[in-house]
Amino acid sequence: MVITQYKSDFSNNLDKSFYWFRKILFAKLCERTCEYLSKDYKLKLVGICEKDNSILFNGEDFFVTRIKVDKVNEIFFRISLPFIEHMLEDSLGKRSEPFSAENMTELEAKILTGLNDYIYKGISPFLAKCTNFDEIENPNLAHLTFITENEYGEVGKIIISVPIAILPPVKPLAPHINFDMGSFPKYTVPVKIISGKSELTLYDIQHIESGDIVVLEESNIKMMTIDLYGQRMDFAINPETSIITGIDDNGGKPMADNTTNSGGNMWDVIPVEISAEFEKVSITLGELKQISEGVIVDVGAIYENKIFLKVENKPIASGELIIINDKYAVRVDEVFTDKPAEQPQAQQSAPQAAPAPAAAPQAAPQSAAPQQPASGNDEDFNYDNFDIEDEDI
């Protein structure tokens, strides 16, 4: 039973919820106690546990008040007798006989019960409402122990036992922040900037070449995405008019639809997501702060950087970013490949002698005959008109 309790969600998350107990619940307890008694008492939260800690209770008597929250859950208030004696003396004056639980008057009991009820009304708005009553047989309690001290240094204890079922799902409050991004506006950090993405077939990616224009269908010329250590956020920008271009400008050409030229391989038509990402750039914390606040920023200098087309974070090509109509696009100027470069064939160790060609017959030089006017009829041309001597063969 004890092992189960110490492995509960409450105990496992106590390091995170302690800040809430100390800053919210404890603060309200101090406020209500001092208001009710009209006197300043020093209170200190010294323990939170799920199991009754006998060390905290040994050797002391307590005045116990039980307040029913709902049909299942109850809150218990325990006030140690030393604190009761100090509190009643401040309120009613010094007693003629030593104080004890047996000789407590009805008025004194009402004062103590009123204090516990006043504290409960102050902390109840911070408690949750229990709805699953059927699942609760013996509610587990969280015991909060407080040390009290008056102006004379006299100490006592208050122990409040609250059912865990009615404690709210506590999120630790953010601690005080000494600095923010605005404290170091000129400090630079490396970031990745993504202009958009698109979808190409595997065949298109295999046959991408220099001069191609890849239009990023999922892009917005007024938005980009910043990637800071894996955390991504869209941010608004002023479009750069100098990179607006037409498809035919500067020799660029859109990638053709090659799905019908894939050679029949069924995997060639598989769609593959491709993204366009700039080389890592340095950006100041001041600019990051503006981006996080939604301020439209000018990123004109970024366009001078090379942009890469990537598949699964692997670069396959690089080029320059341009704008076509209302989309970003990349004009490719370099393509990367996994294929090794072809090696030139090795020369043979000894060239083989080629057989000597037969001597071709040479025609004997003839004296140039006077050119005859063309008759316009090919039949007038007779190869027999040219005599070839045997010795000329």
Protein backbone atom coordinates (compact mmCIF):
# COMPACT_ATOMS: atom_id res chain seq x y z
CA MET A 1 0.00 0.00 0.00
CA VAL A 2 2.76 2.42 0.89
CA ILE A 3 4.68 1.62 -2.29
CA THR A 4 1.58 2.29 -4.38
CA GLN A 5 1.09 5.64 -2.71
CA TYR A 6 4.64 6.76 -3.32
CA LYS A 7 4.37 5.80 -6.98
CA SER A 8 1.17 7.79 -7.52
CA ASP A 9 0.88 10.60 -10.06
CA PHE A 10 0.78 13.10 -7.21
CA SER A 11 4.06 11.94 -5.71
CA ASN A 12 5.80 11.57 -9.05
CA ASN A 13 4.88 15.12 -10.07
CA LEU A 14 5.39 16.75 -6.69
CA ASP A 15 8.63 18.39 -7.78
CA LYS A 16 6.68 20.23 -10.49
CA SER A 17 3.61 21.10 -8.39
CA PHE A 18 5.48 22.30 -5.29
CA TYR A 19 5.82 25.75 -6.81
CA TRP A 20 2.00 25.97 -7.03
CA PHE A 21 1.53 24.84 -3.44
CA ARG A 22 4.05 27.36 -2.19
CA LYS A 23 2.95 30.34 -4.29
CA ILE A 24 -0.83 29.81 -4.49
CA LEU A 25 -2.11 27.65 -1.66
CA PHE A 26 0.43 28.77 0.93
CA ALA A 27 0.00 32.44 0.03
CA LYS A 28 -3.76 32.18 0.49
CA LEU A 29 -3.33 30.38 3.83
CA CYS A 30 -1.07 33.15 5.17
CA GLU A 31 -3.44 35.84 3.97
CA ARG A 32 -6.55 34.27 5.53
CA THR A 33 -4.84 33.43 8.83
CA CYS A 34 -3.53 36.94 9.39
CA GLU A 35 -6.85 38.50 8.33
CA TYR A 36 -8.86 36.36 10.72
CA LEU A 37 -6.57 36.90 13.70
CA SER A 38 -5.83 40.57 12.84
CA LYS A 39 -2.19 39.87 13.59
CA ASP A 40 0.87 39.10 11.51
CA TYR A 41 2.12 35.55 11.88
CA LYS A 42 5.09 34.07 10.11
CA LEU A 43 4.17 30.85 8.35
CA LYS A 44 6.47 28.49 6.50
CA LEU A 45 5.60 25.47 4.39
CA VAL A 46 7.93 22.69 5.54
CA GLY A 47 6.43 19.53 4.13
CA ILE A 48 4.10 17.94 1.59
CA CYS A 49 3.56 14.20 1.77
CA GLU A 50 1.04 11.58 0.82
CA LYS A 51 1.59 9.45 3.89
CA ASP A 52 1.02 10.52 7.47
CA ASN A 53 4.42 11.45 8.81
CA SER A 54 4.46 10.45 12.43
CA ILE A 55 7.51 12.60 13.09
CA LEU A 56 5.39 15.68 12.46
CA PHE A 57 2.68 14.57 14.89
CA ASN A 58 4.64 12.89 17.68
CA GLY A 59 4.60 14.52 21.10
CA GLU A 60 1.93 17.10 20.27
CA ASP A 61 -1.82 17.40 20.62
CA PHE A 62 -3.93 18.95 17.88
CA PHE A 63 -7.33 20.53 17.61
CA VAL A 64 -8.91 18.84 14.57
CA THR A 65 -11.66 20.27 12.38
CA ARG A 66 -13.21 18.17 9.60
CA ILE A 67 -14.93 19.98 6.73
CA LYS A 68 -16.98 17.97 4.25
CA VAL A 69 -16.37 18.99 0.64
CA ASP A 70 -18.74 16.57 -1.09
CA LYS A 71 -20.31 13.20 -0.37
CA VAL A 72 -16.91 11.46 -0.44
CA ASN A 73 -14.12 13.96 0.22
CA GLU A 74 -13.26 15.78 3.44
CA ILE A 75 -10.54 18.26 4.40
CA PHE A 76 -8.90 18.01 7.83
CA PHE A 77 -7.40 20.99 9.69
CA ARG A 78 -5.04 20.26 12.59
CA ILE A 79 -3.82 23.10 14.81
CA SER A 80 -1.19 22.32 17.43
CA LEU A 81 -1.92 23.29 21.04
CA PRO A 82 1.10 25.64 21.34
CA PHE A 83 -0.20 27.69 18.40
CA ILE A 84 -3.72 27.64 19.86
CA GLU A 85 -2.47 28.97 23.18
CA HIS A 86 -0.52 31.81 21.54
CA MET A 87 -3.43 32.66 19.26
CA LEU A 88 -6.05 32.71 22.05
CA GLU A 89 -3.86 34.80 24.32
CA ASP A 90 -3.48 37.37 21.52
CA SER A 91 -7.25 37.35 20.98
CA LEU A 92 -8.71 36.92 24.51
CA GLY A 93 -5.84 37.72 26.84
CA LYS A 94 -3.79 35.49 29.13
CA ARG A 95 -5.67 32.69 30.90
CA SER A 96 -5.59 32.27 34.64
CA GLU A 97 -4.72 28.60 34.28
CA PRO A 98 -2.58 26.74 31.73
CA PHE A 99 -4.37 25.97 28.49
CA SER A 100 -5.31 22.37 27.63
CA ALA A 101 -7.73 20.66 25.28
CA GLU A 102 -9.82 19.44 28.23
CA ASN A 103 -10.50 22.91 29.65
CA MET A 104 -11.18 24.62 26.28
CA THR A 105 -14.24 26.82 26.45
CA GLU A 106 -17.04 26.92 23.91
CA LEU A 107 -15.96 30.40 22.79
CA GLU A 108 -12.40 29.24 22.24
CA ALA A 109 -13.63 26.26 20.21
CA LYS A 110 -15.75 28.56 18.05
CA ILE A 111 -12.73 30.80 17.40
CA LEU A 112 -10.66 27.81 16.25
CA THR A 113 -13.46 26.36 14.14
CA GLY A 114 -14.07 29.79 12.62
CA LEU A 115 -10.38 30.07 11.68
CA ASN A 116 -10.39 26.71 9.91
CA ASP A 117 -13.62 27.54 8.10
CA TYR A 118 -12.24 30.94 7.05
CA ILE A 119 -9.09 29.30 5.66
CA TYR A 120 -11.16 26.70 3.77
CA LYS A 121 -13.30 29.37 2.11
CA GLY A 122 -10.11 31.09 0.97
CA ILE A 123 -8.56 28.00 -0.63
CA SER A 124 -11.72 26.32 -1.96
CA PRO A 125 -11.78 28.34 -5.22
CA PHE A 126 -8.44 26.76 -6.12
CA LEU A 127 -9.68 23.20 -5.61
CA ALA A 128 -11.21 21.03 -8.31
CA LYS A 129 -14.63 19.42 -8.25
CA CYS A 130 -14.68 15.65 -7.96
CA THR A 131 -17.00 13.84 -10.39
CA ASN A 132 -15.95 10.17 -10.26
CA PHE A 133 -17.27 9.33 -6.81
CA ASP A 134 -17.71 5.64 -7.62
CA GLU A 135 -13.98 5.24 -8.21
CA ILE A 136 -13.07 6.62 -4.76
CA GLU A 137 -13.30 4.30 -1.77
CA ASN A 138 -10.54 5.53 0.53
CA PRO A 139 -9.38 8.92 -0.76
CA ASN A 140 -5.64 9.49 -0.66
CA LEU A 141 -4.71 12.65 1.21
CA ALA A 142 -1.96 15.18 0.66
CA HIS A 143 -0.69 16.45 4.02
CA LEU A 144 0.67 20.01 4.03
CA THR A 145 2.59 21.00 7.15
CA PHE A 146 3.17 24.64 8.10
CA ILE A 147 5.26 26.09 10.93
CA THR A 148 3.85 29.22 12.62
CA GLU A 149 5.75 31.83 14.59
CA ASN A 150 4.48 34.90 16.42
CA GLU A 151 6.31 38.12 17.21
CA TYR A 152 7.79 36.57 20.37
CA GLY A 153 9.35 33.68 18.49
CA GLU A 154 6.85 31.15 19.81
CA VAL A 155 6.21 28.41 17.25
CA GLY A 156 3.37 26.03 16.46
CA LYS A 157 2.03 23.93 13.59
CA ILE A 158 -0.88 23.83 11.18
CA ILE A 159 -1.42 20.64 9.16
CA ILE A 160 -3.99 20.61 6.36
CA SER A 161 -4.92 17.25 4.79
CA VAL A 162 -6.54 17.63 1.37
CA PRO A 163 -7.91 14.76 -0.79
CA ILE A 164 -5.74 14.38 -3.86
CA ALA A 165 -8.88 13.85 -5.95
CA ILE A 166 -9.86 17.52 -5.53
CA LEU A 167 -6.44 19.00 -6.18
CA PRO A 168 -6.36 20.70 -9.59
CA PRO A 169 -4.12 19.40 -12.38
CA VAL A 170 -1.21 21.58 -11.45
CA LYS A 171 1.09 23.13 -14.00
CA PRO A 172 4.18 24.70 -12.50
CA LEU A 173 4.21 28.46 -12.75
CA ALA A 174 6.96 29.93 -14.83
CA PRO A 175 9.78 31.20 -12.63
CA HIS A 176 10.87 34.79 -12.78
CA ILE A 177 12.78 35.50 -15.99
CA ASN A 178 15.73 37.82 -15.66
CA PHE A 179 16.40 38.23 -19.39
CA ASP A 180 14.58 37.74 -22.67
CA MET A 181 15.51 37.94 -26.36
CA GLY A 182 15.26 41.71 -26.21
CA SER A 183 18.07 41.84 -23.65
CA PHE A 184 20.66 40.88 -26.28
CA PRO A 185 19.20 42.20 -29.55
CA LYS A 186 22.43 42.01 -31.58
CA TYR A 187 23.41 38.46 -30.63
CA THR A 188 23.22 36.24 -33.72
CA VAL A 189 22.14 32.62 -34.06
CA PRO A 190 22.25 30.34 -37.13
CA VAL A 191 18.82 29.50 -38.55
CA LYS A 192 17.38 27.78 -41.60
CA ILE A 193 14.82 29.59 -43.73
CA ILE A 194 12.43 27.56 -45.88
CA SER A 195 10.63 29.26 -48.76
CA GLY A 196 8.20 26.49 -49.66
CA LYS A 197 7.75 22.96 -50.91
CA SER A 198 6.23 21.06 -53.78
CA GLU A 199 5.63 17.53 -55.02
CA LEU A 200 7.47 15.96 -57.96
CA THR A 201 7.53 12.43 -59.31
CA LEU A 202 10.55 10.27 -58.67
CA TYR A 203 11.24 10.34 -62.42
CA ASP A 204 11.26 14.15 -62.44
CA ILE A 205 13.74 14.26 -59.57
CA GLN A 206 16.00 11.71 -61.28
CA HIS A 207 16.07 13.79 -64.46
CA ILE A 208 16.30 17.32 -63.03
CA GLU A 209 18.93 19.36 -64.85
CA SER A 210 20.54 22.77 -64.85
CA GLY A 211 18.23 25.46 -66.22
CA ASP A 212 15.04 23.81 -64.95
CA ILE A 213 12.59 25.90 -62.96
CA VAL A 214 10.91 24.11 -60.05
CA VAL A 215 7.76 25.93 -58.94
CA LEU A 216 7.02 25.57 -55.22
CA GLU A 217 3.29 24.95 -55.26
CA GLU A 218 3.06 25.16 -51.46
CA SER A 219 4.50 28.63 -51.02
CA ASN A 220 3.37 32.17 -50.33
CA ILE A 221 5.46 35.12 -51.48
CA LYS A 222 4.42 36.97 -48.31
CA MET A 223 5.44 34.19 -45.92
CA MET A 224 8.46 32.03 -45.14
CA THR A 225 9.27 29.48 -42.45
CA ILE A 226 12.12 29.76 -39.96
CA ASP A 227 13.70 26.64 -38.46
CA LEU A 228 15.57 27.17 -35.20
CA TYR A 229 17.03 23.92 -33.81
CA GLY A 230 14.09 21.91 -35.15
CA GLN A 231 11.39 24.36 -33.99
CA ARG A 232 9.55 25.86 -36.97
CA MET A 233 7.46 29.01 -37.21
CA ASP A 234 5.95 30.90 -40.14
CA PHE A 235 6.68 34.62 -40.38
CA ALA A 236 5.49 37.46 -42.58
CA ILE A 237 7.87 39.20 -45.00
CA ASN A 238 7.88 41.93 -47.60
CA PRO A 239 8.10 40.24 -51.06
CA GLU A 240 11.30 41.06 -52.95
CA THR A 241 10.20 42.58 -56.29
CA SER A 242 13.65 42.22 -57.87
CA ILE A 243 13.30 38.42 -58.13
CA ILE A 244 9.95 38.49 -59.94
CA THR A 245 10.50 36.85 -63.31
CA GLY A 246 8.78 35.13 -66.21
CA ILE A 247 9.34 31.53 -67.20
CA ASP A 248 11.18 32.53 -70.39
CA ASP A 249 13.43 35.11 -68.73
CA ASN A 250 17.14 34.32 -68.59
CA GLY A 251 16.76 31.02 -70.39
CA GLY A 252 14.86 29.24 -67.62
CA LYS A 253 12.38 26.54 -68.52
CA PRO A 254 9.75 24.83 -66.41
CA MET A 255 10.18 21.14 -65.73
CA ALA A 256 8.23 19.07 -68.23
CA ASP A 257 5.67 16.51 -67.18
CA ASN A 258 7.67 13.34 -67.70
CA THR A 259 5.23 10.93 -66.14
CA THR A 260 4.50 9.43 -69.57
CA ASN A 261 8.21 9.10 -70.41
CA SER A 262 9.21 7.06 -67.41
CA GLY A 263 9.90 3.91 -69.35
CA GLY A 264 7.12 1.95 -67.68
CA ASN A 265 8.63 1.65 -64.18
CA MET A 266 5.79 1.88 -61.72
CA TRP A 267 7.94 3.58 -59.06
CA ASP A 268 8.84 6.44 -61.40
CA VAL A 269 5.43 8.03 -60.83
CA ILE A 270 5.72 7.92 -57.01
CA PRO A 271 5.15 11.48 -55.66
CA VAL A 272 8.05 12.83 -53.62
CA GLU A 273 7.96 15.98 -51.48
CA ILE A 274 10.71 18.45 -52.21
CA SER A 275 11.48 21.59 -50.18
CA ALA A 276 13.49 24.73 -50.90
CA GLU A 277 15.81 25.86 -48.13
CA PHE A 278 18.41 28.60 -47.95
CA GLU A 279 21.89 28.05 -46.69
CA LYS A 280 22.10 28.64 -42.94
CA VAL A 281 21.96 32.34 -42.25
CA SER A 282 22.69 34.32 -39.11
CA ILE A 283 19.83 36.29 -37.60
CA THR A 284 19.85 38.51 -34.52
CA LEU A 285 17.80 37.90 -31.39
CA GLY A 286 16.20 41.28 -32.02
CA GLU A 287 14.95 40.07 -35.40
CA LEU A 288 13.77 36.79 -33.86
CA LYS A 289 11.83 38.76 -31.27
CA GLN A 290 10.14 40.76 -34.05
CA ILE A 291 9.31 37.53 -35.89
CA SER A 292 7.78 35.96 -32.77
CA GLU A 293 5.64 39.08 -32.29
CA GLY A 294 4.29 38.88 -35.86
CA VAL A 295 6.11 41.96 -37.16
CA ILE A 296 6.60 41.97 -40.95
CA VAL A 297 10.36 41.82 -41.52
CA ASP A 298 12.56 42.68 -44.49
CA VAL A 299 14.71 39.73 -45.55
CA GLY A 300 16.15 41.23 -48.72
CA ALA A 301 19.70 40.13 -47.91
CA ILE A 302 18.60 36.50 -47.68
CA TYR A 303 17.85 36.33 -51.41
CA GLU A 304 21.55 36.71 -52.16
CA ASN A 305 22.20 33.30 -50.58
CA LYS A 306 22.13 30.05 -52.51
CA ILE A 307 18.97 28.01 -52.08
CA PHE A 308 18.89 24.22 -52.06
CA LEU A 309 16.23 21.77 -53.18
CA LYS A 310 16.06 18.95 -50.64
CA VAL A 311 14.39 15.58 -50.33
CA GLU A 312 14.34 14.25 -46.77
CA ASN A 313 16.91 16.90 -45.85
CA LYS A 314 19.27 15.67 -48.59
CA PRO A 315 20.25 18.34 -51.15
CA ILE A 316 19.65 17.27 -54.76
CA ALA A 317 20.14 20.62 -56.52
CA SER A 318 20.84 24.29 -55.88
CA GLY A 319 20.03 27.56 -57.59
CA GLU A 320 18.43 30.94 -57.09
CA LEU A 321 15.02 31.85 -55.73
CA ILE A 322 12.63 33.61 -58.08
CA ILE A 323 8.95 34.57 -58.07
CA ILE A 324 6.59 33.35 -60.78
CA ASN A 325 3.08 34.72 -60.52
CA ASP A 326 2.20 34.32 -56.83
CA LYS A 327 4.55 31.40 -56.06
CA TYR A 328 8.19 30.99 -55.24
CA ALA A 329 10.30 28.93 -57.63
CA VAL A 330 13.91 27.80 -57.90
CA ARG A 331 15.95 28.21 -61.08
CA VAL A 332 18.40 25.29 -60.96
CA ASP A 333 22.05 26.01 -61.71
CA GLU A 334 23.71 22.92 -60.19
CA VAL A 335 22.54 19.32 -59.80
CA PHE A 336 24.04 16.88 -57.30
CA THR A 337 24.25 13.17 -58.05
CA ASP A 338 25.02 9.93 -56.26
CA LYS A 339 26.37 8.28 -59.43
CA PRO A 340 30.20 8.09 -59.59
CA ALA A 341 31.86 9.84 -62.50
CA GLU A 342 32.62 7.59 -65.47
CA GLN A 343 36.30 6.62 -65.68
CA PRO A 344 38.07 6.77 -69.12
CA GLN A 345 38.95 3.36 -70.57
CA ALA A 346 42.56 2.32 -70.03
CA GLN A 347 44.76 2.29 -73.14
CA GLN A 348 46.07 -1.03 -74.42
CA SER A 349 49.62 -1.83 -73.42
CA ALA A 350 50.87 -2.36 -76.97
CA PRO A 351 49.09 -1.10 -80.04
CA GLN A 352 48.49 -3.78 -82.63
CA ALA A 353 49.82 -3.21 -86.10
CA ALA A 354 47.04 -2.63 -88.54
CA PRO A 355 47.22 -4.50 -91.87
CA ALA A 356 48.61 -2.38 -94.66
CA PRO A 357 45.80 -1.20 -96.90
CA ALA A 358 45.93 -2.15 -100.54
CA ALA A 359 47.22 0.54 -102.79
CA ALA A 360 44.37 2.42 -104.31
CA PRO A 361 44.56 3.02 -108.06
CA GLN A 362 45.51 6.52 -108.84
CA ALA A 363 44.30 8.24 -111.96
CA ALA A 364 46.97 9.60 -114.30
CA PRO A 365 47.08 13.31 -114.39
CA GLN A 366 45.20 14.59 -117.37
CA SER A 367 45.52 17.87 -119.03
CA ALA A 368 42.62 20.03 -118.39
CA ALA A 369 40.24 19.90 -121.31
CA PRO A 370 38.38 22.98 -122.31
CA GLN A 371 35.04 23.11 -120.53
CA GLN A 372 32.19 22.28 -122.81
CA PRO A 373 28.94 24.05 -122.47
CA ALA A 374 26.38 21.98 -120.64
CA SER A 375 23.97 20.32 -122.90
CA GLY A 376 21.36 19.95 -120.22
CA ASN A 377 21.14 16.21 -120.97
CA ASP A 378 22.90 13.71 -118.65
CA GLU A 379 22.92 11.12 -121.42
CA ASP A 380 25.56 13.16 -123.32
CA PHE A 381 28.01 12.43 -120.43
CA ASN A 382 29.95 9.22 -121.25
CA TYR A 383 32.64 7.81 -118.94
CA ASP A 384 34.20 6.18 -122.10
CA ASN A 385 35.41 9.58 -123.16
CA PHE A 386 38.12 9.31 -120.47
CA ASP A 387 40.94 6.88 -121.34
CA ILE A 388 42.84 5.40 -118.42
CA GLU A 389 46.27 3.96 -119.13
CA ASP A 390 47.13 0.62 -117.60
CA GLU A 391 50.23 2.06 -116.02
CA ASP A 392 48.11 4.57 -114.19
CA ILE A 393 46.20 1.89 -112.40
